[in-house]
Amino acid sequence: MALSFQGTRRHITAACILTATVGATIWAFTDARAQHPEPRPHRPPSPAALAEQGLRPPIYAQLYAWTQSGEQIATAQQQVLIACMAERGFTLKPAPVAKAGDAAVSRPTPFGLETLEEIGADSQTQAPPEQPQGEAFSRALYGKPGDEISVKGNLLKVTMPASGCQAEAEKHMLGDGRVRWTELRMRLNEGEQTAFRRLEHDPLFRKANESWRRCMLANRVQAKDPLDLIRALPPDADIRTHPATKADVRCKQDTGYLRTAYARLAVMQQRWLDEHPDVLQDRTVLRDRQLRIARQVLQGQTG
């Protein structure tokens, strides 16, 4: 399960620990300016730059990067699904497929907040829920209730329709590789979790975390790590303006925390992939098949 912090505030129960000690030393104005020059204003990374950095770990690139080929595959499968429903007498109007590189496509933020500027923006781009269409519509789309295929991983079990237009569209794109595609997705999710657990013992990541912690103490905020900080926020905290979250984002910028954290996470994820070479090999074969079928579908639409 990816660790994402969009909407995290709903689940936070502890109070953030803020130290209240304020130094009483009074500096002469000229001495203070000479010894502590005013810092240059920060230029926070753009959302696009943060997204690019956050998708560099190789498992994230497989699961969350939204490419042109991914857009083509999703568009083609949607067209097959719409045509299947039309043959059964139903009109399906799904949400448009996101464009390649669309910043609205979600990705994990495993190290807590990365910016204060884009909080809540993703909620404005979510597709509206599908409106109920009745039992006949549901049967056409998802097949008979209970007619399902179960795929088991080490940690999770996924069920998917064995019949209906949803299943038919996936079979059209994947053939007999439909179950294997789901298995590979589950294994990548497991690798994602394993890599994150290993990261906790990585010396370079621990050093980056200690630099962040010292920076936070200098801002009179006590927290073990960025995830501890998020968990400790009061439920009614305004993340955009809370002193602790502002210090968090600023310290990440000042210490280069996210750059190091994502670089080390990439190492851990690549290590897991090297230990399981069949995952990317099989996924590449199935991805290429989907792309080939997608181009045939889309050429038929425009031909």
Foldseek 3Di string as FASTA:
>chain_A
DFAACAVVLQPFAAAFDFFDDDDPDDDDPVVCCVVPPDDDDDDADDLLVVVVLQCPQPLSVVPFQFAQLNLLLVVLLVVQLQVQLVVVPDGDDDDRRDHHPPSLGDGHDRQADQDLPCRPVNVVPDDDDDDDDDDVSCCQAQNDPPQWDWADDPPDIDIGGPDHSNNVSLCLLQPVCSNVLVRLNVVSVVLLVVLVVVLVPDVQLQVLQVQLQVQLVVLRGHASGSVRNSSNHHSPDDLSDDSNNVSNNVSCVVSVNSNSSSVSSSVSSVVVCVVVVVSVVVNVVSSVSSSVSSVVSVVVVVD
